[in-house]
Amino acid sequence: MSSRVFQSIVLQMKESTDRAIGVIDEQGTVVSCNQLTWIGEKWEGVATALNANDSGVLVYGDKTLKPLANRNSHFDYAAFVQGSDEQAKLICSLVTVALNSAKAYYEEKHDKRAFVKSIISDNILLGDIYARAKELHFISEAPRAVFLVRQVGSADISAVDAVQAMFSENQDDFIISINETDIAVIKLLTEGGDSKELYRIAKGIEDGLAQGLKIKTTIGIGTVVPHIRDLAKAYKEAGVAIEVGKVFDTEKTIINYENLGIGRLIYQLPTTLCGMFLQEVFKKNPIDALDQETLFTINKFFENNLNVSETARKLFVHRNTLVYRLEKIKKLTGLDLREFDDAITFKVALMVKKYLVSRGIDS
């Protein structure tokens, strides 16, 4: 339980009374107080007296105390008010009501976060998901998206708090620290949330971290899921989006799993199968026989939808020059890029080659 939650409330109460108000933990240590110099003090004997007390309110010396609600037999926190008179008892009871509400909200939120983390980590059985969701009053059937935010370069631990602040207004959104570099954002969506909405959310996270903490990130987005049981799948998809994006979309910093296209299929293929495919496609010469200028021409040709005239214009060469280069490629590889089927085969082969290189395999 964070003492900051209690501290925020007791400081607000300073405006209503001149009494010292605060909270002690089970060890008798003052963890929050509107008299700041008291924080950290340890009051010997108070914890023992509270555990032995059955009447609820306890007067101990010049202070009135009351334990906060707790599931265990022993108290974990207790509110205190300076004074032993009837007014002190009344104030202590009122303070306890406010602190109990804050404590219940915090614990429910914390428990829900742990619950969500266990789901995306696949550390909970399907049957337990339903039971736990009911116990926590968790909205099970609602559209949600998972964003995996990965810090690029040196990691900053304050990134988690920064992302948390971006989504603090909605208690149904969850920010989960996965490791030093990764943060998972589970976002509850409105009905009809599309890919543009997902990109807008991701862009907001990226810009917020870049501007506030100078942190560079890569963000993977999983598919929108209708039920909490599918969050693990969406989380894995967000991770795949980042990994596939590193291979095929190296310039993109926000990658949606649904937009990975054929790269997603290639990434899941065994490397031995990929090697066999390249050998079958390039029977005449290996793909490495093509120089960088030729590969640049090929990529430009693909970018311009196999349009010879438009590609020649973008390359600042004569149309016949480009035709000559395409003929040269045909002689080297046996594939005519002006033919749709051959162009598809060549495009896939380039992606397969890129995938193998990313795995440290050169052929």
Protein backbone atom coordinates (compact mmCIF):
# COMPACT_ATOMS: atom_id res chain seq x y z
CA MET A 1 0.00 0.00 0.00
CA SER A 2 1.49 3.33 -1.01
CA SER A 3 1.77 5.93 1.78
CA ARG A 4 1.32 8.61 -0.91
CA VAL A 5 -2.36 7.67 -1.12
CA PHE A 6 -2.82 8.34 2.61
CA GLN A 7 -0.63 11.43 2.58
CA SER A 8 -2.71 13.12 -0.07
CA ILE A 9 -5.86 12.75 2.06
CA VAL A 10 -4.42 13.78 5.43
CA LEU A 11 -2.84 16.89 3.90
CA GLN A 12 -6.24 17.96 2.56
CA MET A 13 -7.67 17.59 6.05
CA LYS A 14 -5.16 20.07 7.44
CA GLU A 15 -7.36 22.85 6.10
CA SER A 16 -10.33 21.65 8.20
CA THR A 17 -8.70 21.10 11.58
CA ASP A 18 -5.61 22.12 13.51
CA ARG A 19 -5.24 18.59 14.88
CA ALA A 20 -2.43 16.33 13.82
CA ILE A 21 -3.88 13.56 11.64
CA GLY A 22 -2.02 10.62 10.18
CA VAL A 23 -1.58 6.89 9.63
CA ILE A 24 0.67 4.31 11.28
CA ASP A 25 1.52 0.89 9.92
CA GLU A 26 1.51 -2.48 11.71
CA GLN A 27 4.94 -1.74 13.20
CA GLY A 28 3.73 1.48 14.79
CA THR A 29 5.66 3.66 12.32
CA VAL A 30 4.05 6.90 11.14
CA VAL A 31 3.79 6.56 7.34
CA SER A 32 1.61 9.62 6.66
CA CYS A 33 0.84 12.75 8.65
CA ASN A 34 -0.14 16.36 8.13
CA GLN A 35 2.61 17.19 10.63
CA LEU A 36 5.48 16.29 8.31
CA THR A 37 8.09 16.06 11.05
CA TRP A 38 6.22 13.12 12.59
CA ILE A 39 6.62 10.91 9.50
CA GLY A 40 9.07 8.11 10.22
CA GLU A 41 8.58 8.14 14.01
CA LYS A 42 7.98 4.78 15.65
CA TRP A 43 5.58 4.64 18.56
CA GLU A 44 6.46 1.73 20.81
CA GLY A 45 3.52 -0.20 22.24
CA VAL A 46 0.85 1.28 19.94
CA ALA A 47 0.78 -1.70 17.56
CA THR A 48 0.42 -4.16 20.45
CA ALA A 49 -2.36 -2.10 22.01
CA LEU A 50 -4.26 -1.88 18.71
CA ASN A 51 -4.08 -5.65 18.15
CA ALA A 52 -5.39 -6.26 21.67
CA ASN A 53 -8.16 -3.68 21.29
CA ASP A 54 -11.67 -4.92 20.44
CA SER A 55 -13.66 -1.71 20.77
CA GLY A 56 -12.61 -0.16 17.46
CA VAL A 57 -11.46 3.25 18.71
CA LEU A 58 -8.40 3.25 20.97
CA VAL A 59 -7.17 6.12 23.15
CA TYR A 60 -3.44 5.75 23.70
CA GLY A 61 -1.76 8.57 25.61
CA ASP A 62 -2.67 11.85 23.93
CA LYS A 63 -3.79 10.21 20.69
CA THR A 64 -6.95 8.53 19.43
CA LEU A 65 -6.53 5.69 16.94
CA LYS A 66 -8.75 3.45 14.84
CA PRO A 67 -7.62 0.55 12.60
CA LEU A 68 -8.48 0.71 8.91
CA ALA A 69 -10.52 -2.08 7.35
CA ASN A 70 -8.45 -5.21 6.75
CA ARG A 71 -9.05 -8.80 5.70
CA ASN A 72 -6.66 -10.16 8.35
CA SER A 73 -7.17 -10.49 12.10
CA HIS A 74 -4.31 -8.08 12.77
CA PHE A 75 -4.44 -4.48 11.59
CA ASP A 76 -2.12 -3.32 8.83
CA TYR A 77 -2.83 0.42 9.09
CA ALA A 78 -4.55 2.66 11.63
CA ALA A 79 -5.64 6.29 11.50
CA PHE A 80 -4.72 8.55 14.41
CA VAL A 81 -5.76 12.00 15.60
CA GLN A 82 -4.00 14.10 18.19
CA GLY A 83 -6.10 14.35 21.35
CA SER A 84 -8.15 12.01 23.58
CA ASP A 85 -11.43 13.95 23.83
CA GLU A 86 -14.78 13.22 22.15
CA GLN A 87 -13.99 15.52 19.24
CA ALA A 88 -10.81 13.56 18.57
CA LYS A 89 -12.85 10.34 18.47
CA LEU A 90 -15.31 11.90 16.02
CA ILE A 91 -12.56 13.22 13.77
CA CYS A 92 -10.75 9.87 13.90
CA SER A 93 -13.92 8.03 12.81
CA LEU A 94 -14.48 10.42 9.92
CA VAL A 95 -10.83 10.19 8.85
CA THR A 96 -11.07 6.40 8.92
CA VAL A 97 -14.04 6.46 6.53
CA ALA A 98 -12.09 8.55 4.00
CA LEU A 99 -8.92 6.48 4.32
CA ASN A 100 -10.83 3.20 4.05
CA SER A 101 -12.33 4.34 0.75
CA ALA A 102 -8.91 5.28 -0.61
CA LYS A 103 -7.40 2.03 0.66
CA ALA A 104 -10.16 -0.07 -0.92
CA TYR A 105 -9.75 1.73 -4.26
CA TYR A 106 -5.98 1.33 -4.21
CA GLU A 107 -6.09 -2.36 -3.29
CA GLU A 108 -8.76 -3.14 -5.87
CA LYS A 109 -6.75 -1.36 -8.54
CA HIS A 110 -3.57 -3.11 -7.44
CA ASP A 111 -5.26 -6.51 -7.35
CA LYS A 112 -6.75 -5.93 -10.78
CA ARG A 113 -3.34 -4.99 -12.16
CA ALA A 114 -1.82 -8.17 -10.76
CA PHE A 115 -4.75 -10.10 -12.22
CA VAL A 116 -4.20 -8.59 -15.68
CA LYS A 117 -0.47 -9.26 -15.49
CA SER A 118 -1.12 -12.92 -14.68
CA ILE A 119 -3.40 -13.13 -17.74
CA ILE A 120 -0.98 -11.63 -20.26
CA SER A 121 1.82 -13.75 -18.77
CA ASP A 122 -0.25 -16.93 -19.14
CA ASN A 123 0.11 -17.60 -15.41
CA ILE A 124 -3.56 -18.27 -14.70
CA LEU A 125 -5.93 -21.04 -15.77
CA LEU A 126 -8.90 -20.18 -17.98
CA GLY A 127 -11.40 -21.24 -15.31
CA ASP A 128 -9.66 -19.10 -12.72
CA ILE A 129 -9.88 -16.06 -15.00
CA TYR A 130 -13.68 -16.13 -14.86
CA ALA A 131 -13.77 -16.69 -11.09
CA ARG A 132 -11.21 -14.00 -10.33
CA ALA A 133 -12.87 -11.49 -12.66
CA LYS A 134 -16.17 -11.96 -10.85
CA GLU A 135 -14.47 -11.60 -7.48
CA LEU A 136 -12.78 -8.33 -8.51
CA HIS A 137 -15.88 -6.97 -10.28
CA PHE A 138 -13.77 -6.83 -13.43
CA ILE A 139 -15.48 -6.01 -16.73
CA SER A 140 -14.78 -9.19 -18.70
CA GLU A 141 -16.50 -8.58 -22.00
CA ALA A 142 -15.29 -5.30 -23.44
CA PRO A 143 -13.02 -4.38 -26.35
CA ARG A 144 -9.41 -3.97 -25.24
CA ALA A 145 -6.10 -3.42 -26.98
CA VAL A 146 -2.60 -4.27 -25.77
CA PHE A 147 0.28 -1.92 -26.52
CA LEU A 148 3.81 -3.13 -25.83
CA VAL A 149 6.08 -0.12 -25.29
CA ARG A 150 9.77 -1.01 -25.64
CA GLN A 151 12.44 1.53 -24.74
CA VAL A 152 15.22 1.83 -27.32
CA GLY A 153 18.69 2.40 -25.91
CA SER A 154 19.24 2.91 -22.19
CA ALA A 155 16.15 2.23 -20.08
CA ASP A 156 14.61 4.81 -17.73
CA ILE A 157 12.67 3.45 -14.74
CA SER A 158 10.57 6.62 -14.59
CA ALA A 159 8.98 5.68 -17.93
CA VAL A 160 6.41 3.52 -16.13
CA ASP A 161 5.21 6.44 -14.02
CA ALA A 162 5.11 8.68 -17.08
CA VAL A 163 2.93 6.23 -18.99
CA GLN A 164 0.77 5.70 -15.89
CA ALA A 165 0.13 9.44 -15.73
CA MET A 166 -1.10 9.41 -19.34
CA PHE A 167 -3.88 6.95 -18.46
CA SER A 168 -4.61 7.97 -14.86
CA GLU A 169 -8.13 9.19 -15.65
CA ASN A 170 -9.49 5.74 -16.49
CA GLN A 171 -9.29 3.07 -13.78
CA ASP A 172 -10.10 0.39 -16.38
CA ASP A 173 -6.76 0.98 -18.14
CA PHE A 174 -3.72 -0.87 -16.79
CA ILE A 175 -0.03 -0.05 -17.05
CA ILE A 176 2.21 -3.02 -16.29
CA SER A 177 5.99 -3.05 -16.01
CA ILE A 178 7.24 -6.23 -17.72
CA ASN A 179 11.00 -5.76 -17.39
CA GLU A 180 13.62 -3.00 -17.57
CA THR A 181 12.70 -2.00 -21.12
CA ASP A 182 9.11 -3.18 -21.69
CA ILE A 183 5.83 -1.69 -20.51
CA ALA A 184 2.45 -3.20 -21.37
CA VAL A 185 -0.53 -0.88 -21.71
CA ILE A 186 -3.96 -2.57 -21.61
CA LYS A 187 -6.44 -0.02 -22.87
CA LEU A 188 -10.22 -0.27 -22.65
CA LEU A 189 -11.65 0.94 -25.97
CA THR A 190 -14.94 2.49 -26.92
CA GLU A 191 -17.10 0.52 -29.33
CA GLY A 192 -15.95 1.00 -32.90
CA GLY A 193 -12.30 1.70 -32.06
CA ASP A 194 -10.35 1.13 -35.29
CA SER A 195 -6.70 1.03 -36.38
CA LYS A 196 -6.58 4.83 -36.60
CA GLU A 197 -7.65 5.08 -32.96
CA LEU A 198 -5.02 2.53 -31.94
CA TYR A 199 -2.33 4.44 -33.81
CA ARG A 200 -3.43 7.71 -32.18
CA ILE A 201 -3.10 6.15 -28.71
CA ALA A 202 0.32 4.68 -29.52
CA LYS A 203 1.50 7.97 -30.99
CA GLY A 204 0.41 9.75 -27.82
CA ILE A 205 2.53 7.37 -25.73
CA GLU A 206 5.51 7.73 -28.05
CA ASP A 207 5.36 11.54 -28.12
CA GLY A 208 4.75 11.80 -24.37
CA LEU A 209 7.87 9.77 -23.52
CA ALA A 210 9.97 11.49 -26.18
CA GLN A 211 9.04 15.00 -25.08
CA GLY A 212 8.91 14.43 -21.33
CA LEU A 213 11.85 12.07 -20.77
CA LYS A 214 13.67 12.06 -24.13
CA ILE A 215 13.01 8.32 -24.38
CA LYS A 216 12.91 6.64 -27.78
CA THR A 217 10.47 3.77 -28.09
CA THR A 218 9.16 1.11 -30.41
CA ILE A 219 5.49 0.25 -29.85
CA GLY A 220 3.78 -2.97 -30.93
CA ILE A 221 0.00 -3.15 -31.11
CA GLY A 222 -1.94 -6.43 -30.80
CA THR A 223 -5.37 -7.09 -32.26
CA VAL A 224 -8.39 -5.76 -30.40
CA VAL A 225 -9.88 -8.53 -28.25
CA PRO A 226 -13.48 -8.72 -26.97
CA HIS A 227 -12.79 -10.64 -23.73
CA ILE A 228 -10.10 -10.58 -21.04
CA ARG A 229 -9.30 -14.25 -21.67
CA ASP A 230 -7.78 -13.16 -25.02
CA LEU A 231 -5.40 -10.58 -23.55
CA ALA A 232 -2.50 -13.07 -23.55
CA LYS A 233 -2.94 -13.55 -27.29
CA ALA A 234 -3.04 -9.79 -27.90
CA TYR A 235 0.08 -9.30 -25.76
CA LYS A 236 2.01 -11.93 -27.73
CA GLU A 237 0.87 -10.30 -30.98
CA ALA A 238 2.19 -6.94 -29.81
CA GLY A 239 5.56 -8.58 -29.12
CA VAL A 240 5.56 -10.25 -32.55
CA ALA A 241 4.73 -6.89 -34.14
CA ILE A 242 7.89 -5.37 -32.65
CA GLU A 243 10.08 -8.32 -33.65
CA VAL A 244 8.73 -8.53 -37.20
CA GLY A 245 8.88 -4.76 -37.52
CA LYS A 246 12.60 -4.85 -36.69
CA VAL A 247 13.16 -7.12 -39.68
CA PHE A 248 10.83 -5.77 -42.35
CA ASP A 249 9.82 -2.23 -41.27
CA THR A 250 12.99 -0.95 -39.70
CA GLU A 251 11.99 2.71 -40.02
CA LYS A 252 8.63 2.35 -38.28
CA THR A 253 8.39 2.98 -34.55
CA ILE A 254 4.71 1.99 -34.24
CA ILE A 255 3.79 -1.40 -35.68
CA ASN A 256 0.31 -2.90 -35.73
CA TYR A 257 0.15 -6.70 -35.79
CA GLU A 258 -2.75 -6.56 -38.24
CA ASN A 259 -0.64 -4.63 -40.75
CA LEU A 260 2.34 -6.99 -40.80
CA GLY A 261 1.09 -8.78 -43.90
CA ILE A 262 3.25 -11.53 -45.34
CA GLY A 263 6.13 -10.61 -43.04
CA ARG A 264 4.18 -12.17 -40.18
CA LEU A 265 4.02 -15.51 -42.03
CA ILE A 266 7.69 -15.46 -43.03
CA TYR A 267 8.75 -14.73 -39.45
CA GLN A 268 7.10 -17.96 -38.30
CA LEU A 269 8.74 -20.18 -40.92
CA PRO A 270 11.69 -22.45 -40.07
CA THR A 271 14.98 -21.01 -41.36
CA THR A 272 15.80 -24.28 -43.15
CA LEU A 273 12.58 -23.99 -45.15
CA CYS A 274 13.41 -20.38 -46.00
CA GLY A 275 16.86 -21.41 -47.25
CA MET A 276 15.32 -24.11 -49.46
CA PHE A 277 12.87 -21.57 -50.89
CA LEU A 278 15.69 -19.19 -51.91
CA GLN A 279 17.60 -22.01 -53.57
CA GLU A 280 14.52 -23.00 -55.57
CA VAL A 281 13.74 -19.43 -56.65
CA PHE A 282 17.29 -18.46 -57.61
CA LYS A 283 18.45 -21.51 -59.54
CA LYS A 284 20.67 -19.53 -61.93
CA ASN A 285 22.43 -17.25 -59.47
CA PRO A 286 22.01 -16.60 -55.73
CA ILE A 287 20.34 -13.40 -54.67
CA ASP A 288 23.74 -12.16 -53.45
CA ALA A 289 24.77 -11.86 -57.11
CA LEU A 290 22.68 -8.69 -57.35
CA ASP A 291 24.59 -5.51 -56.51
CA GLN A 292 23.23 -2.68 -54.35
CA GLU A 293 22.30 -0.50 -57.34
CA THR A 294 20.24 -3.32 -58.83
CA LEU A 295 18.50 -4.01 -55.52
CA PHE A 296 17.73 -0.30 -55.18
CA THR A 297 16.17 -0.33 -58.67
CA ILE A 298 14.09 -3.40 -57.77
CA ASN A 299 12.79 -1.82 -54.56
CA LYS A 300 11.86 1.38 -56.40
CA PHE A 301 10.05 -0.70 -59.02
CA PHE A 302 8.00 -2.36 -56.28
CA GLU A 303 7.33 0.96 -54.55
CA ASN A 304 5.83 2.28 -57.79
CA ASN A 305 3.55 -0.72 -58.32
CA LEU A 306 5.58 -2.23 -61.19
CA ASN A 307 5.04 0.90 -63.29
CA VAL A 308 8.04 1.25 -65.61
CA SER A 309 7.47 4.90 -66.59
CA GLU A 310 6.87 6.11 -63.04
CA THR A 311 9.86 4.18 -61.68
CA ALA A 312 12.13 5.62 -64.40
CA ARG A 313 10.95 9.11 -63.48
CA LYS A 314 11.64 8.55 -59.77
CA LEU A 315 15.09 7.15 -60.58
CA PHE A 316 15.83 10.04 -62.98
CA VAL A 317 16.72 7.62 -65.78
CA HIS A 318 15.36 7.06 -69.28
CA ARG A 319 12.60 4.49 -69.61
CA ASN A 320 14.77 2.35 -71.88
CA THR A 321 17.53 2.37 -69.26
CA LEU A 322 15.16 0.91 -66.72
CA VAL A 323 13.92 -1.69 -69.24
CA TYR A 324 17.55 -2.68 -69.84
CA ARG A 325 18.11 -3.11 -66.11
CA LEU A 326 14.98 -5.26 -65.78
CA GLU A 327 16.18 -7.44 -68.66
CA LYS A 328 19.51 -7.81 -66.91
CA ILE A 329 17.73 -8.92 -63.73
CA LYS A 330 15.75 -11.44 -65.76
CA LYS A 331 18.94 -12.95 -67.21
CA LEU A 332 20.54 -13.17 -63.76
CA THR A 333 17.58 -14.60 -61.87
CA GLY A 334 15.20 -16.03 -64.46
CA LEU A 335 12.43 -13.76 -63.08
CA ASP A 336 10.77 -11.03 -65.12
CA LEU A 337 9.66 -8.38 -62.65
CA ARG A 338 7.22 -6.97 -65.20
CA GLU A 339 5.22 -10.17 -64.82
CA PHE A 340 2.98 -10.09 -61.75
CA ASP A 341 3.65 -13.68 -60.60
CA ASP A 342 7.41 -13.29 -60.94
CA ALA A 343 7.28 -9.97 -59.13
CA ILE A 344 5.42 -11.53 -56.18
CA THR A 345 7.93 -14.39 -56.01
CA PHE A 346 10.84 -11.96 -56.07
CA LYS A 347 9.29 -9.72 -53.42
CA VAL A 348 8.74 -12.67 -51.07
CA ALA A 349 12.29 -13.88 -51.75
CA LEU A 350 13.71 -10.50 -50.76
CA MET A 351 11.75 -10.61 -47.50
CA VAL A 352 12.87 -14.17 -46.80
CA LYS A 353 16.48 -13.13 -47.37
CA LYS A 354 16.06 -10.21 -45.01
CA TYR A 355 14.58 -12.53 -42.39
CA LEU A 356 17.50 -14.97 -42.65
CA VAL A 357 20.03 -12.14 -42.35
CA SER A 358 18.26 -10.95 -39.18
CA ARG A 359 18.73 -14.46 -37.80
CA GLY A 360 22.45 -14.39 -38.64
CA ILE A 361 22.10 -16.70 -41.65
CA ASP A 362 23.72 -15.38 -44.83
CA SER A 363 22.52 -17.99 -47.27
